[in-house]
Amino acid sequence: MPSYYGAAIMTQLAFQGEMNKITINSLNHALFDEGEYELEVADQYCDIGLDWAVKENLTKSRQMEPNEGLFWNGNTDTEGILWGGCLDSMVVQTAAEKFLPKTEDLEGTVLFIETSENIPEHWIVEYVLTGFGERGWFDKFQAVLVGRPKAWEFDKQNDSKTKAEYRKQQRETVLKTVREYNKSIPVVQNLDFGHTDPQVVLPNGGKVKINTTEKKIVFSY
């Protein structure tokens, strides 16, 4: 049973200034349409918030920055059922094994992950993915999709250079760890979902097609 992953009331629906067009397009398709929807890639993104406690911020617009686009690795066209979520939350789930699927249930799935406003250190990302690998899950996953990591928060107000380095190191960590367990599945990073804006609503439990030849990702709702 698919569920929608993405778009929150305050951070997306009440986006200061106006909602991002990509977020609107994705929400409209997810809620009011059906069928396939090709991933839109944003020219600009935002991960810097405005304090909701400051009334004057209600009339301001959040700061946008140039987006780096998608980072592709692997050249196999594939498809599968989406499964995943916020990697920070998976730390507890994988430790407790309370809400995890059985290994056989992951056959033919596509893993999607993203990190939160906690801006976790890279070893945490590595350890969670290593745990997946040791469970044999990368023999089941058909691909890995990674959302653009949030690299700014009110208690970690990083500049653009620091944020770019954080994203780069996370990409390298993800790719290195996945490739230790599977040398060929597509790994696509910096997608527009997770804790940054704009957001594409993912059909968790729904189908995704990944065309590495044409560099296209198509979700089914």
N, C-alpha and C. Protein backbone atom coordinates (compact mmCIF):
# COMPACT_ATOMS: atom_id res chain seq x y z
N MET A 1 0.85 -1.19 0.00
CA MET A 1 0.00 0.00 0.00
C MET A 1 0.89 1.24 0.00
N PRO A 2 0.94 1.98 -1.10
CA PRO A 2 1.81 3.16 -1.17
C PRO A 2 1.37 4.27 -0.21
N SER A 3 2.33 4.98 0.30
CA SER A 3 2.07 6.18 1.09
C SER A 3 2.95 7.29 0.53
N TYR A 4 2.58 8.53 0.77
CA TYR A 4 3.32 9.64 0.18
C TYR A 4 4.38 10.14 1.15
N TYR A 5 5.59 10.29 0.61
CA TYR A 5 6.72 10.75 1.40
C TYR A 5 7.10 12.14 0.92
N GLY A 6 6.72 13.13 1.70
CA GLY A 6 7.10 14.49 1.33
C GLY A 6 5.99 15.49 1.48
N ALA A 7 6.41 16.72 1.63
CA ALA A 7 5.58 17.90 1.78
C ALA A 7 4.95 17.94 3.17
N ALA A 8 5.36 18.93 3.95
CA ALA A 8 4.82 19.16 5.29
C ALA A 8 4.07 20.49 5.30
N ILE A 9 3.17 20.63 6.26
CA ILE A 9 2.29 21.80 6.28
C ILE A 9 3.08 23.10 6.42
N MET A 10 3.94 23.19 7.41
CA MET A 10 4.63 24.46 7.66
C MET A 10 5.78 24.70 6.69
N THR A 11 6.59 23.68 6.45
CA THR A 11 7.81 23.91 5.67
C THR A 11 7.60 23.94 4.18
N GLN A 12 6.55 23.30 3.66
CA GLN A 12 6.28 23.34 2.22
C GLN A 12 4.98 24.07 1.87
N LEU A 13 3.87 23.65 2.47
CA LEU A 13 2.59 24.28 2.12
C LEU A 13 2.53 25.73 2.56
N ALA A 14 3.26 26.08 3.63
CA ALA A 14 3.30 27.46 4.10
C ALA A 14 4.65 28.10 3.80
N PHE A 15 5.26 27.67 2.73
CA PHE A 15 6.57 28.20 2.32
C PHE A 15 6.48 29.72 2.18
N GLN A 16 7.36 30.43 2.90
CA GLN A 16 7.27 31.90 2.86
C GLN A 16 7.44 32.43 1.44
N GLY A 17 6.71 33.50 1.14
CA GLY A 17 6.71 34.03 -0.21
C GLY A 17 5.66 33.32 -1.03
N GLU A 18 6.01 32.19 -1.60
CA GLU A 18 5.06 31.33 -2.31
C GLU A 18 5.65 29.94 -2.41
N MET A 19 4.78 28.95 -2.57
CA MET A 19 5.25 27.58 -2.70
C MET A 19 6.06 27.41 -3.99
N ASN A 20 7.04 26.52 -3.92
CA ASN A 20 7.86 26.26 -5.10
C ASN A 20 7.04 25.51 -6.14
N LYS A 21 7.25 25.86 -7.41
CA LYS A 21 6.45 25.30 -8.50
C LYS A 21 6.62 23.79 -8.61
N ILE A 22 7.83 23.29 -8.41
CA ILE A 22 8.06 21.85 -8.49
C ILE A 22 7.28 21.13 -7.39
N THR A 23 7.28 21.70 -6.19
CA THR A 23 6.51 21.12 -5.09
C THR A 23 5.02 21.10 -5.44
N ILE A 24 4.51 22.21 -5.99
CA ILE A 24 3.10 22.29 -6.38
C ILE A 24 2.77 21.25 -7.44
N ASN A 25 3.61 21.15 -8.47
CA ASN A 25 3.35 20.19 -9.55
C ASN A 25 3.30 18.76 -9.02
N SER A 26 4.24 18.43 -8.15
CA SER A 26 4.30 17.08 -7.61
C SER A 26 3.09 16.78 -6.73
N LEU A 27 2.73 17.73 -5.87
CA LEU A 27 1.58 17.54 -5.00
C LEU A 27 0.29 17.38 -5.80
N ASN A 28 0.13 18.20 -6.81
CA ASN A 28 -1.07 18.11 -7.64
C ASN A 28 -1.19 16.74 -8.28
N HIS A 29 -0.07 16.22 -8.78
CA HIS A 29 -0.11 14.91 -9.42
C HIS A 29 -0.39 13.83 -8.38
N ALA A 30 0.28 13.90 -7.24
CA ALA A 30 0.12 12.87 -6.22
C ALA A 30 -1.30 12.84 -5.66
N LEU A 31 -1.91 14.01 -5.47
CA LEU A 31 -3.22 14.07 -4.82
C LEU A 31 -4.40 14.02 -5.78
N PHE A 32 -4.22 14.53 -6.99
CA PHE A 32 -5.37 14.71 -7.87
C PHE A 32 -5.25 14.02 -9.22
N ASP A 33 -4.13 13.32 -9.44
CA ASP A 33 -3.92 12.66 -10.72
C ASP A 33 -3.45 11.24 -10.47
N GLU A 34 -3.10 10.54 -11.51
CA GLU A 34 -2.56 9.19 -11.38
C GLU A 34 -1.67 8.90 -12.57
N GLY A 35 -0.98 7.78 -12.50
CA GLY A 35 -0.09 7.40 -13.59
C GLY A 35 1.33 7.87 -13.35
N GLU A 36 2.10 7.91 -14.42
CA GLU A 36 3.53 8.20 -14.30
C GLU A 36 3.80 9.70 -14.20
N TYR A 37 4.88 10.01 -13.48
CA TYR A 37 5.29 11.40 -13.28
C TYR A 37 6.81 11.46 -13.32
N GLU A 38 7.36 12.16 -14.30
CA GLU A 38 8.81 12.24 -14.43
C GLU A 38 9.38 13.24 -13.43
N LEU A 39 10.44 12.83 -12.77
CA LEU A 39 11.09 13.69 -11.79
C LEU A 39 11.55 15.00 -12.41
N GLU A 40 11.14 16.11 -11.81
CA GLU A 40 11.66 17.41 -12.19
C GLU A 40 12.91 17.71 -11.37
N VAL A 41 13.90 18.30 -12.00
CA VAL A 41 15.15 18.65 -11.31
C VAL A 41 15.21 20.16 -11.17
N ALA A 42 15.34 20.64 -9.96
CA ALA A 42 15.30 22.07 -9.69
C ALA A 42 16.58 22.77 -10.14
N ASP A 43 16.41 23.99 -10.64
CA ASP A 43 17.56 24.84 -10.95
C ASP A 43 18.13 25.46 -9.67
N GLN A 44 17.24 25.69 -8.70
CA GLN A 44 17.65 26.28 -7.44
C GLN A 44 17.06 25.48 -6.29
N TYR A 45 17.67 25.59 -5.14
CA TYR A 45 17.17 24.88 -3.97
C TYR A 45 17.31 25.78 -2.74
N CYS A 46 16.71 25.32 -1.64
CA CYS A 46 16.77 26.06 -0.39
C CYS A 46 16.88 25.08 0.77
N ASP A 47 17.81 25.33 1.67
CA ASP A 47 17.82 24.58 2.93
C ASP A 47 18.00 25.51 4.13
N ILE A 48 17.89 26.83 3.89
CA ILE A 48 18.01 27.82 4.95
C ILE A 48 16.61 28.25 5.36
N GLY A 49 16.28 28.05 6.62
CA GLY A 49 14.95 28.37 7.10
C GLY A 49 14.80 29.81 7.58
N LEU A 50 13.56 30.20 7.80
CA LEU A 50 13.23 31.47 8.42
C LEU A 50 12.49 31.16 9.72
N ASP A 51 12.88 31.80 10.80
CA ASP A 51 12.31 31.52 12.11
C ASP A 51 10.82 31.88 12.13
N TRP A 52 9.97 30.86 12.36
CA TRP A 52 8.53 31.10 12.37
C TRP A 52 8.11 31.96 13.56
N ALA A 53 8.95 32.07 14.58
CA ALA A 53 8.61 32.87 15.76
C ALA A 53 8.75 34.37 15.51
N VAL A 54 9.40 34.74 14.42
CA VAL A 54 9.59 36.15 14.07
C VAL A 54 8.52 36.55 13.08
N LYS A 55 7.59 37.39 13.49
CA LYS A 55 6.43 37.74 12.67
C LYS A 55 6.84 38.34 11.33
N GLU A 56 7.90 39.14 11.32
CA GLU A 56 8.34 39.81 10.10
C GLU A 56 8.75 38.79 9.01
N ASN A 57 9.12 37.59 9.41
CA ASN A 57 9.55 36.59 8.44
C ASN A 57 8.41 36.07 7.57
N LEU A 58 7.17 36.31 8.00
CA LEU A 58 6.02 35.82 7.23
C LEU A 58 5.92 36.49 5.87
N THR A 59 6.49 37.67 5.73
CA THR A 59 6.42 38.39 4.46
C THR A 59 7.73 38.30 3.67
N LYS A 60 8.68 37.53 4.17
CA LYS A 60 9.96 37.38 3.49
C LYS A 60 9.95 36.11 2.63
N SER A 61 10.95 35.98 1.78
CA SER A 61 11.13 34.77 0.98
C SER A 61 12.43 34.10 1.38
N ARG A 62 12.42 32.80 1.38
CA ARG A 62 13.63 32.06 1.76
C ARG A 62 14.72 32.20 0.70
N GLN A 63 15.93 32.10 1.15
CA GLN A 63 17.09 32.27 0.28
C GLN A 63 17.28 31.02 -0.60
N MET A 64 17.33 31.22 -1.91
CA MET A 64 17.55 30.13 -2.86
C MET A 64 19.00 30.16 -3.34
N GLU A 65 19.52 28.98 -3.68
CA GLU A 65 20.89 28.84 -4.16
C GLU A 65 20.90 27.96 -5.40
N PRO A 66 21.93 28.06 -6.23
CA PRO A 66 22.01 27.20 -7.42
C PRO A 66 22.07 25.73 -7.02
N ASN A 67 21.32 24.91 -7.74
CA ASN A 67 21.32 23.47 -7.49
C ASN A 67 22.39 22.80 -8.35
N GLU A 68 23.01 21.78 -7.80
CA GLU A 68 24.10 21.09 -8.50
C GLU A 68 23.61 20.03 -9.47
N GLY A 69 22.31 19.76 -9.48
CA GLY A 69 21.78 18.74 -10.38
C GLY A 69 21.95 17.34 -9.80
N LEU A 70 21.60 16.33 -10.61
CA LEU A 70 21.69 14.95 -10.16
C LEU A 70 23.09 14.39 -10.39
N PHE A 71 23.48 13.48 -9.53
CA PHE A 71 24.76 12.78 -9.65
C PHE A 71 24.47 11.31 -9.89
N TRP A 72 24.82 10.84 -11.09
CA TRP A 72 24.51 9.48 -11.51
C TRP A 72 25.75 8.60 -11.43
N ASN A 73 25.56 7.36 -10.98
CA ASN A 73 26.62 6.36 -11.01
C ASN A 73 25.97 5.01 -11.31
N GLY A 74 26.52 4.31 -12.29
CA GLY A 74 25.91 3.06 -12.73
C GLY A 74 25.15 3.29 -14.02
N ASN A 75 25.13 2.30 -14.89
CA ASN A 75 24.53 2.49 -16.22
C ASN A 75 23.51 1.42 -16.57
N THR A 76 22.84 0.87 -15.56
CA THR A 76 21.82 -0.14 -15.80
C THR A 76 20.43 0.46 -15.66
N ASP A 77 19.60 0.31 -16.67
CA ASP A 77 18.20 0.73 -16.57
C ASP A 77 17.46 -0.28 -15.70
N THR A 78 16.61 0.22 -14.80
CA THR A 78 15.95 -0.69 -13.88
C THR A 78 14.65 -0.09 -13.38
N GLU A 79 13.91 -0.86 -12.60
CA GLU A 79 12.70 -0.38 -11.95
C GLU A 79 12.45 -1.21 -10.71
N GLY A 80 11.58 -0.71 -9.86
CA GLY A 80 11.29 -1.43 -8.63
C GLY A 80 10.30 -0.67 -7.78
N ILE A 81 9.98 -1.24 -6.61
CA ILE A 81 9.07 -0.63 -5.65
C ILE A 81 9.89 0.18 -4.65
N LEU A 82 9.49 1.42 -4.43
CA LEU A 82 10.22 2.30 -3.52
C LEU A 82 10.07 1.86 -2.07
N TRP A 83 11.19 1.85 -1.37
CA TRP A 83 11.18 1.61 0.08
C TRP A 83 12.31 2.43 0.69
N GLY A 84 12.04 3.07 1.82
CA GLY A 84 13.10 3.83 2.46
C GLY A 84 12.55 4.89 3.38
N GLY A 85 13.31 5.99 3.49
CA GLY A 85 12.90 7.08 4.36
C GLY A 85 14.09 7.87 4.85
N CYS A 86 13.90 8.53 6.00
CA CYS A 86 14.94 9.36 6.60
C CYS A 86 15.97 8.47 7.27
N LEU A 87 17.22 8.60 6.86
CA LEU A 87 18.26 7.72 7.37
C LEU A 87 18.45 7.88 8.88
N ASP A 88 18.25 9.09 9.39
CA ASP A 88 18.40 9.31 10.83
C ASP A 88 17.44 8.41 11.61
N SER A 89 16.20 8.28 11.12
CA SER A 89 15.22 7.44 11.79
C SER A 89 15.58 5.97 11.69
N MET A 90 16.27 5.60 10.63
CA MET A 90 16.65 4.21 10.44
C MET A 90 17.71 3.74 11.43
N VAL A 91 18.41 4.68 12.06
CA VAL A 91 19.40 4.30 13.06
C VAL A 91 18.72 3.50 14.18
N VAL A 92 17.60 4.02 14.68
CA VAL A 92 16.86 3.33 15.74
C VAL A 92 16.21 2.05 15.21
N GLN A 93 15.62 2.15 14.03
CA GLN A 93 14.91 0.98 13.50
C GLN A 93 15.85 -0.19 13.25
N THR A 94 17.01 0.08 12.70
CA THR A 94 17.95 -1.02 12.43
C THR A 94 18.54 -1.57 13.71
N ALA A 95 18.67 -0.72 14.73
CA ALA A 95 19.21 -1.21 16.01
C ALA A 95 18.19 -2.08 16.73
N ALA A 96 16.92 -1.67 16.68
CA ALA A 96 15.88 -2.39 17.41
C ALA A 96 15.27 -3.54 16.60
N GLU A 97 15.37 -3.45 15.26
CA GLU A 97 14.76 -4.43 14.35
C GLU A 97 13.25 -4.57 14.61
N LYS A 98 12.62 -3.45 14.94
CA LYS A 98 11.19 -3.51 15.30
C LYS A 98 10.29 -3.27 14.10
N PHE A 99 10.71 -2.38 13.20
CA PHE A 99 9.84 -2.00 12.09
C PHE A 99 10.47 -2.30 10.73
N LEU A 100 11.45 -3.17 10.71
CA LEU A 100 12.14 -3.48 9.46
C LEU A 100 11.42 -4.56 8.67
N PRO A 101 11.47 -4.48 7.35
CA PRO A 101 10.92 -5.57 6.54
C PRO A 101 11.82 -6.79 6.60
N LYS A 102 11.28 -7.92 6.24
CA LYS A 102 12.11 -9.11 6.11
C LYS A 102 12.95 -8.98 4.84
N THR A 103 14.10 -9.61 4.84
CA THR A 103 15.00 -9.50 3.69
C THR A 103 14.32 -9.93 2.40
N GLU A 104 13.54 -11.00 2.46
CA GLU A 104 12.89 -11.48 1.24
C GLU A 104 11.83 -10.49 0.73
N ASP A 105 11.31 -9.66 1.62
CA ASP A 105 10.30 -8.68 1.19
C ASP A 105 10.92 -7.54 0.38
N LEU A 106 12.23 -7.39 0.44
CA LEU A 106 12.91 -6.31 -0.27
C LEU A 106 13.35 -6.69 -1.68
N GLU A 107 13.03 -7.89 -2.09
CA GLU A 107 13.37 -8.32 -3.44
C GLU A 107 12.70 -7.40 -4.46
N GLY A 108 13.50 -6.81 -5.36
CA GLY A 108 12.95 -5.97 -6.40
C GLY A 108 12.58 -4.56 -5.96
N THR A 109 13.12 -4.11 -4.85
CA THR A 109 12.81 -2.76 -4.37
C THR A 109 13.92 -1.78 -4.74
N VAL A 110 13.59 -0.50 -4.66
CA VAL A 110 14.55 0.59 -4.85
C VAL A 110 14.64 1.36 -3.54
N LEU A 111 15.82 1.43 -2.98
CA LEU A 111 16.03 2.14 -1.72
C LEU A 111 16.07 3.64 -1.95
N PHE A 112 15.31 4.40 -1.13
CA PHE A 112 15.47 5.85 -1.13
C PHE A 112 15.79 6.31 0.30
N ILE A 113 16.75 7.20 0.41
CA ILE A 113 17.17 7.70 1.72
C ILE A 113 17.45 9.18 1.64
N GLU A 114 17.40 9.84 2.78
CA GLU A 114 17.78 11.25 2.89
C GLU A 114 18.06 11.53 4.36
N THR A 115 18.85 12.56 4.61
CA THR A 115 19.21 12.90 5.99
C THR A 115 18.49 14.17 6.42
N SER A 116 18.36 14.34 7.74
CA SER A 116 17.49 15.37 8.29
C SER A 116 18.25 16.64 8.68
N GLU A 117 17.51 17.52 9.38
CA GLU A 117 18.09 18.76 9.87
C GLU A 117 19.13 18.53 10.97
N ASN A 118 19.27 17.30 11.43
CA ASN A 118 20.34 16.98 12.38
C ASN A 118 21.72 17.08 11.72
N ILE A 119 21.74 17.05 10.40
CA ILE A 119 22.99 17.10 9.62
C ILE A 119 23.99 16.08 10.18
N PRO A 120 23.65 14.79 10.09
CA PRO A 120 24.47 13.76 10.72
C PRO A 120 25.88 13.67 10.13
N GLU A 121 26.80 13.28 10.97
CA GLU A 121 28.17 13.07 10.50
C GLU A 121 28.19 11.89 9.53
N HIS A 122 29.19 11.89 8.66
CA HIS A 122 29.20 10.92 7.56
C HIS A 122 29.37 9.48 8.02
N TRP A 123 30.01 9.28 9.18
CA TRP A 123 30.17 7.91 9.65
C TRP A 123 28.82 7.29 10.01
N ILE A 124 27.84 8.11 10.39
CA ILE A 124 26.51 7.58 10.69
C ILE A 124 25.87 7.04 9.42
N VAL A 125 25.97 7.81 8.33
CA VAL A 125 25.46 7.35 7.03
C VAL A 125 26.15 6.04 6.64
N GLU A 126 27.46 6.01 6.79
CA GLU A 126 28.23 4.82 6.43
C GLU A 126 27.80 3.61 7.26
N TYR A 127 27.61 3.80 8.55
CA TYR A 127 27.27 2.68 9.42
C TYR A 127 25.89 2.11 9.11
N VAL A 128 24.91 2.99 8.85
CA VAL A 128 23.57 2.49 8.52
C VAL A 128 23.59 1.70 7.22
N LEU A 129 24.26 2.24 6.19
CA LEU A 129 24.33 1.54 4.91
C LEU A 129 25.15 0.25 5.02
N THR A 130 26.19 0.27 5.84
CA THR A 130 26.96 -0.95 6.07
C THR A 130 26.08 -2.02 6.70
N GLY A 131 25.22 -1.60 7.62
CA GLY A 131 24.28 -2.54 8.21
C GLY A 131 23.36 -3.15 7.18
N PHE A 132 22.89 -2.32 6.24
CA PHE A 132 22.07 -2.85 5.15
C PHE A 132 22.87 -3.88 4.34
N GLY A 133 24.12 -3.53 4.05
CA GLY A 133 24.95 -4.42 3.26
C GLY A 133 25.20 -5.76 3.94
N GLU A 134 25.46 -5.70 5.23
CA GLU A 134 25.73 -6.93 5.97
C GLU A 134 24.48 -7.81 6.09
N ARG A 135 23.31 -7.20 5.96
CA ARG A 135 22.07 -7.97 5.94
C ARG A 135 21.80 -8.59 4.56
N GLY A 136 22.60 -8.22 3.57
CA GLY A 136 22.40 -8.72 2.21
C GLY A 136 21.40 -7.93 1.41
N TRP A 137 21.05 -6.75 1.89
CA TRP A 137 19.99 -5.98 1.23
C TRP A 137 20.40 -5.41 -0.11
N PHE A 138 21.67 -5.13 -0.29
CA PHE A 138 22.09 -4.56 -1.57
C PHE A 138 22.11 -5.61 -2.68
N ASP A 139 21.86 -6.85 -2.32
CA ASP A 139 21.60 -7.88 -3.33
C ASP A 139 20.13 -7.86 -3.75
N LYS A 140 19.29 -7.21 -2.96
CA LYS A 140 17.86 -7.13 -3.24
C LYS A 140 17.49 -5.81 -3.91
N PHE A 141 18.12 -4.71 -3.48
CA PHE A 141 17.81 -3.39 -4.04
C PHE A 141 18.20 -3.33 -5.52
N GLN A 142 17.33 -2.73 -6.33
CA GLN A 142 17.60 -2.54 -7.75
C GLN A 142 18.33 -1.23 -8.02
N ALA A 143 18.25 -0.30 -7.08
CA ALA A 143 18.90 1.00 -7.23
C ALA A 143 18.84 1.71 -5.88
N VAL A 144 19.58 2.81 -5.79
CA VAL A 144 19.57 3.65 -4.59
C VAL A 144 19.35 5.09 -5.02
N LEU A 145 18.34 5.74 -4.44
CA LEU A 145 18.05 7.15 -4.69
C LEU A 145 18.30 7.92 -3.40
N VAL A 146 19.04 9.03 -3.51
CA VAL A 146 19.42 9.79 -2.32
C VAL A 146 18.96 11.24 -2.47
N GLY A 147 18.22 11.72 -1.48
CA GLY A 147 17.76 13.10 -1.51
C GLY A 147 18.89 14.06 -1.16
N ARG A 148 18.75 15.29 -1.63
CA ARG A 148 19.74 16.33 -1.32
C ARG A 148 19.83 16.52 0.18
N PRO A 149 21.01 16.40 0.77
CA PRO A 149 21.12 16.54 2.22
C PRO A 149 21.00 18.00 2.67
N LYS A 150 20.22 18.20 3.70
CA LYS A 150 20.15 19.52 4.33
C LYS A 150 21.47 19.77 5.04
N ALA A 151 22.04 20.94 4.84
CA ALA A 151 23.36 21.24 5.41
C ALA A 151 23.37 22.55 6.19
N TRP A 152 22.18 23.08 6.48
CA TRP A 152 22.05 24.30 7.28
C TRP A 152 20.91 24.12 8.27
N GLU A 153 21.13 24.56 9.49
CA GLU A 153 20.08 24.59 10.49
C GLU A 153 20.41 25.75 11.43
N PHE A 154 19.44 26.18 12.21
CA PHE A 154 19.64 27.36 13.06
C PHE A 154 20.82 27.19 14.00
N ASP A 155 21.11 25.97 14.42
CA ASP A 155 22.27 25.75 15.30
C ASP A 155 23.52 25.33 14.52
N LYS A 156 23.39 25.25 13.18
CA LYS A 156 24.54 24.91 12.33
C LYS A 156 24.44 25.76 11.06
N GLN A 157 24.68 27.06 11.19
CA GLN A 157 24.48 27.99 10.08
C GLN A 157 25.73 28.01 9.17
N ASN A 158 25.87 26.95 8.40
CA ASN A 158 27.03 26.79 7.52
C ASN A 158 26.93 27.71 6.31
N ASP A 159 28.09 28.16 5.82
CA ASP A 159 28.10 28.96 4.61
C ASP A 159 28.02 28.04 3.39
N SER A 160 27.92 28.64 2.20
CA SER A 160 27.72 27.86 0.97
C SER A 160 28.86 26.89 0.72
N LYS A 161 30.09 27.31 0.98
CA LYS A 161 31.25 26.44 0.74
C LYS A 161 31.21 25.23 1.67
N THR A 162 30.89 25.46 2.94
CA THR A 162 30.83 24.36 3.90
C THR A 162 29.71 23.40 3.56
N LYS A 163 28.58 23.95 3.13
CA LYS A 163 27.45 23.10 2.74
C LYS A 163 27.80 22.25 1.53
N ALA A 164 28.45 22.84 0.54
CA ALA A 164 28.82 22.09 -0.66
C ALA A 164 29.77 20.96 -0.32
N GLU A 165 30.70 21.21 0.59
CA GLU A 165 31.65 20.17 1.00
C GLU A 165 30.93 19.05 1.75
N TYR A 166 29.96 19.41 2.59
CA TYR A 166 29.19 18.40 3.31
C TYR A 166 28.44 17.50 2.33
N ARG A 167 27.78 18.11 1.35
CA ARG A 167 27.05 17.31 0.36
C ARG A 167 27.99 16.40 -0.42
N LYS A 168 29.15 16.93 -0.80
CA LYS A 168 30.13 16.15 -1.55
C LYS A 168 30.61 14.94 -0.73
N GLN A 169 30.91 15.18 0.52
CA GLN A 169 31.41 14.08 1.36
C GLN A 169 30.33 13.03 1.59
N GLN A 170 29.08 13.48 1.72
CA GLN A 170 28.01 12.49 1.88
C GLN A 170 27.86 11.65 0.62
N ARG A 171 27.91 12.30 -0.56
CA ARG A 171 27.81 11.55 -1.82
C ARG A 171 28.91 10.50 -1.90
N GLU A 172 30.11 10.89 -1.55
CA GLU A 172 31.24 9.97 -1.61
C GLU A 172 31.07 8.83 -0.62
N THR A 173 30.55 9.14 0.56
CA THR A 173 30.33 8.11 1.58
C THR A 173 29.29 7.10 1.12
N VAL A 174 28.18 7.61 0.58
CA VAL A 174 27.11 6.72 0.10
C VAL A 174 27.64 5.82 -1.00
N LEU A 175 28.29 6.40 -1.99
CA LEU A 175 28.73 5.62 -3.14
C LEU A 175 29.78 4.58 -2.73
N LYS A 176 30.73 4.97 -1.90
CA LYS A 176 31.76 4.04 -1.46
C LYS A 176 31.14 2.85 -0.72
N THR A 177 30.20 3.12 0.16
CA THR A 177 29.61 2.06 0.97
C THR A 177 28.74 1.13 0.13
N VAL A 178 27.91 1.71 -0.74
CA VAL A 178 27.07 0.87 -1.61
C VAL A 178 27.93 -0.02 -2.49
N ARG A 179 28.98 0.56 -3.05
CA ARG A 179 29.82 -0.21 -3.99
C ARG A 179 30.61 -1.32 -3.30
N GLU A 180 30.75 -1.27 -2.01
CA GLU A 180 31.38 -2.39 -1.30
C GLU A 180 30.52 -3.63 -1.35
N TYR A 181 29.21 -3.45 -1.58
CA TYR A 181 28.28 -4.57 -1.56
C TYR A 181 27.63 -4.85 -2.92
N ASN A 182 27.59 -3.84 -3.76
CA ASN A 182 27.01 -4.04 -5.10
C ASN A 182 27.73 -3.10 -6.06
N LYS A 183 28.35 -3.64 -7.07
CA LYS A 183 29.18 -2.86 -7.98
C LYS A 183 28.41 -2.22 -9.13
N SER A 184 27.14 -2.60 -9.33
CA SER A 184 26.51 -2.22 -10.59
C SER A 184 25.20 -1.47 -10.49
N ILE A 185 24.45 -1.60 -9.39
CA ILE A 185 23.14 -0.96 -9.36
C ILE A 185 23.28 0.56 -9.47
N PRO A 186 22.32 1.23 -10.11
CA PRO A 186 22.39 2.68 -10.21
C PRO A 186 22.30 3.35 -8.83
N VAL A 187 23.12 4.37 -8.65
CA VAL A 187 23.05 5.20 -7.45
C VAL A 187 22.89 6.64 -7.94
N VAL A 188 21.76 7.24 -7.63
CA VAL A 188 21.47 8.61 -8.09
C VAL A 188 21.29 9.49 -6.86
N GLN A 189 22.04 10.59 -6.80
CA GLN A 189 22.03 11.43 -5.61
C GLN A 189 21.67 12.87 -5.93
N ASN A 190 21.30 13.59 -4.88
CA ASN A 190 20.92 15.00 -4.94
C ASN A 190 19.52 15.20 -5.52
N LEU A 191 18.63 14.23 -5.30
CA LEU A 191 17.26 14.36 -5.76
C LEU A 191 16.49 15.36 -4.90
N ASP A 192 15.40 15.89 -5.47
CA ASP A 192 14.59 16.88 -4.79
C ASP A 192 13.54 16.22 -3.89
N PHE A 193 13.99 15.56 -2.84
CA PHE A 193 13.08 15.08 -1.80
C PHE A 193 13.84 15.09 -0.48
N GLY A 194 13.09 15.08 0.61
CA GLY A 194 13.74 15.06 1.91
C GLY A 194 13.49 16.31 2.71
N HIS A 195 14.58 16.91 3.22
CA HIS A 195 14.48 18.04 4.14
C HIS A 195 14.89 19.36 3.50
N THR A 196 14.97 19.41 2.17
CA THR A 196 15.26 20.67 1.48
C THR A 196 14.11 20.96 0.51
N ASP A 197 14.16 22.11 -0.11
CA ASP A 197 13.11 22.51 -1.05
C ASP A 197 13.73 22.86 -2.40
N PRO A 198 12.99 22.61 -3.50
CA PRO A 198 11.64 22.06 -3.56
C PRO A 198 11.60 20.58 -3.22
N GLN A 199 10.38 20.05 -3.13
CA GLN A 199 10.20 18.64 -2.80
C GLN A 199 9.30 17.96 -3.82
N VAL A 200 9.76 16.81 -4.29
CA VAL A 200 8.92 15.91 -5.06
C VAL A 200 8.37 14.86 -4.10
N VAL A 201 7.06 14.66 -4.13
CA VAL A 201 6.41 13.71 -3.24
C VAL A 201 6.65 12.29 -3.77
N LEU A 202 7.31 11.47 -2.99
CA LEU A 202 7.60 10.11 -3.44
C LEU A 202 6.48 9.15 -3.05
N PRO A 203 6.09 8.25 -3.97
CA PRO A 203 5.10 7.23 -3.64
C PRO A 203 5.78 6.04 -2.97
N ASN A 204 6.02 6.14 -1.68
CA ASN A 204 6.66 5.06 -0.94
C ASN A 204 5.79 3.81 -1.02
N GLY A 205 6.34 2.75 -1.60
CA GLY A 205 5.55 1.55 -1.87
C GLY A 205 5.01 1.51 -3.28
N GLY A 206 5.25 2.58 -4.04
CA GLY A 206 4.86 2.62 -5.44
C GLY A 206 6.06 2.34 -6.35
N LYS A 207 5.81 2.28 -7.64
CA LYS A 207 6.86 1.90 -8.59
C LYS A 207 7.66 3.10 -9.07
N VAL A 208 8.93 2.88 -9.33
CA VAL A 208 9.80 3.88 -9.93
C VAL A 208 10.60 3.22 -11.06
N LYS A 209 10.77 3.95 -12.16
CA LYS A 209 11.61 3.51 -13.27
C LYS A 209 12.83 4.42 -13.35
N ILE A 210 13.99 3.82 -13.51
CA ILE A 210 15.24 4.59 -13.57
C ILE A 210 15.91 4.29 -14.89
N ASN A 211 15.99 5.31 -15.73
CA ASN A 211 16.60 5.19 -17.05
C ASN A 211 17.94 5.91 -17.03
N THR A 212 19.01 5.14 -16.88
CA THR A 212 20.34 5.76 -16.78
C THR A 212 20.83 6.24 -18.14
N THR A 213 20.30 5.66 -19.22
CA THR A 213 20.71 6.06 -20.56
C THR A 213 20.24 7.48 -20.86
N GLU A 214 18.97 7.75 -20.56
CA GLU A 214 18.40 9.06 -20.83
C GLU A 214 18.41 9.97 -19.61
N LYS A 215 18.94 9.45 -18.48
CA LYS A 215 18.99 10.21 -17.23
C LYS A 215 17.59 10.69 -16.83
N LYS A 216 16.67 9.72 -16.74
CA LYS A 216 15.31 10.02 -16.35
C LYS A 216 14.87 9.11 -15.20
N ILE A 217 14.07 9.67 -14.32
CA ILE A 217 13.47 8.93 -13.22
C ILE A 217 11.97 9.19 -13.26
N VAL A 218 11.18 8.11 -13.30
CA VAL A 218 9.73 8.24 -13.46
C VAL A 218 9.04 7.48 -12.33
N PHE A 219 8.19 8.19 -11.58
CA PHE A 219 7.44 7.60 -10.49
C PHE A 219 6.02 7.27 -10.96
N SER A 220 5.43 6.24 -10.37
CA SER A 220 4.05 5.87 -10.67
C SER A 220 3.19 6.10 -9.42
N TYR A 221 2.05 6.79 -9.62
CA TYR A 221 1.14 7.11 -8.52
C TYR A 221 -0.20 6.41 -8.73
